Amino acid sequence: MSMGFISVPLVVFMIVVAPLWLILHYRSKRQAGEGLSGEDQKKLETLVARAEDMQERIVTLERILDAEVPRWRQK
């Protein structure tokens, strides 16, 4: 009686759950290993370009403030 109580869920687990678990696990590993998609790569390049533009603007604004208000960084 007790062997049937344990063996039935174990068999169901080994036939149904374990294969699904392995398939889903290795599918997610493969997708993670592929890296960025083409669309994600484009978005990343766009963000990098925008960040560089903003950095240039910040440097320009700091130069203007340094010329017009010499002690602005101390405030």
Protein backbone atom coordinates (compact mmCIF):
# COMPACT_ATOMS: atom_id res chain seq x y z
CA MET A 1 0.00 0.00 0.00
CA SER A 2 2.68 2.52 0.92
CA MET A 3 4.76 1.68 -2.18
CA GLY A 4 1.82 2.58 -4.44
CA PHE A 5 1.29 5.80 -2.56
CA ILE A 6 4.86 6.92 -3.32
CA SER A 7 5.49 5.30 -6.68
CA VAL A 8 2.48 6.74 -8.56
CA PRO A 9 3.41 10.42 -8.01
CA LEU A 10 7.05 9.55 -8.69
CA VAL A 11 6.19 7.93 -12.03
CA VAL A 12 3.97 10.87 -13.00
CA PHE A 13 6.75 13.27 -12.09
CA MET A 14 9.34 11.34 -14.12
CA ILE A 15 7.08 11.00 -17.19
CA VAL A 16 5.46 14.44 -17.29
CA VAL A 17 7.14 17.04 -15.11
CA ALA A 18 10.84 16.17 -15.45
CA PRO A 19 10.95 16.22 -19.29
CA LEU A 20 9.02 19.51 -19.45
CA TRP A 21 11.29 20.99 -16.84
CA LEU A 22 14.41 19.98 -18.78
CA ILE A 23 13.04 21.20 -22.12
CA LEU A 24 12.07 24.59 -20.72
CA HIS A 25 15.34 24.93 -18.83
CA TYR A 26 17.55 24.30 -21.83
CA ARG A 27 15.39 26.44 -24.12
CA SER A 28 15.82 29.41 -21.78
CA LYS A 29 19.58 28.75 -21.56
CA ARG A 30 19.83 28.74 -25.36
CA GLN A 31 17.86 31.99 -25.68
CA ALA A 32 20.00 33.67 -23.03
CA GLY A 33 23.17 32.58 -24.80
CA GLU A 34 22.15 34.08 -28.13
CA GLY A 35 22.68 37.64 -26.90
CA LEU A 36 20.76 40.68 -28.06
CA SER A 37 18.32 40.53 -30.93
CA GLY A 38 18.70 42.86 -33.89
CA GLU A 39 16.01 45.19 -32.58
CA ASP A 40 17.57 45.28 -29.11
CA GLN A 41 20.98 46.01 -30.64
CA LYS A 42 19.51 48.96 -32.59
CA LYS A 43 17.86 50.32 -29.45
CA LEU A 44 21.11 50.03 -27.54
CA GLU A 45 23.04 51.87 -30.26
CA THR A 46 20.40 54.62 -30.29
CA LEU A 47 20.64 55.00 -26.52
CA VAL A 48 24.43 55.16 -26.67
CA ALA A 49 24.28 57.90 -29.32
CA ARG A 50 21.76 59.88 -27.25
CA ALA A 51 23.92 59.52 -24.13
CA GLU A 52 26.96 60.80 -26.01
CA ASP A 53 24.96 63.80 -27.30
CA MET A 54 23.78 64.57 -23.78
CA GLN A 55 27.33 64.32 -22.45
CA GLU A 56 28.47 66.86 -25.04
CA ARG A 57 25.63 69.19 -24.03
CA ILE A 58 26.52 68.89 -20.36
CA VAL A 59 30.17 69.73 -21.07
CA THR A 60 29.07 72.77 -23.09
CA LEU A 61 26.73 73.96 -20.34
CA GLU A 62 29.46 73.54 -17.73
CA ARG A 63 31.85 75.65 -19.82
CA ILE A 64 29.21 78.38 -20.16
CA LEU A 65 28.53 78.34 -16.42
CA ASP A 66 32.26 78.38 -15.63
CA ALA A 67 32.65 81.49 -17.78
CA GLU A 68 29.58 83.33 -16.47
CA VAL A 69 29.33 82.15 -12.86
CA PRO A 70 32.78 81.09 -11.65
CA ARG A 71 31.69 79.66 -8.27
CA TRP A 72 28.58 77.75 -9.39
CA ARG A 73 30.11 74.37 -8.50
CA GLN A 74 30.68 75.40 -4.87
CA LYS A 75 27.02 76.28 -4.28
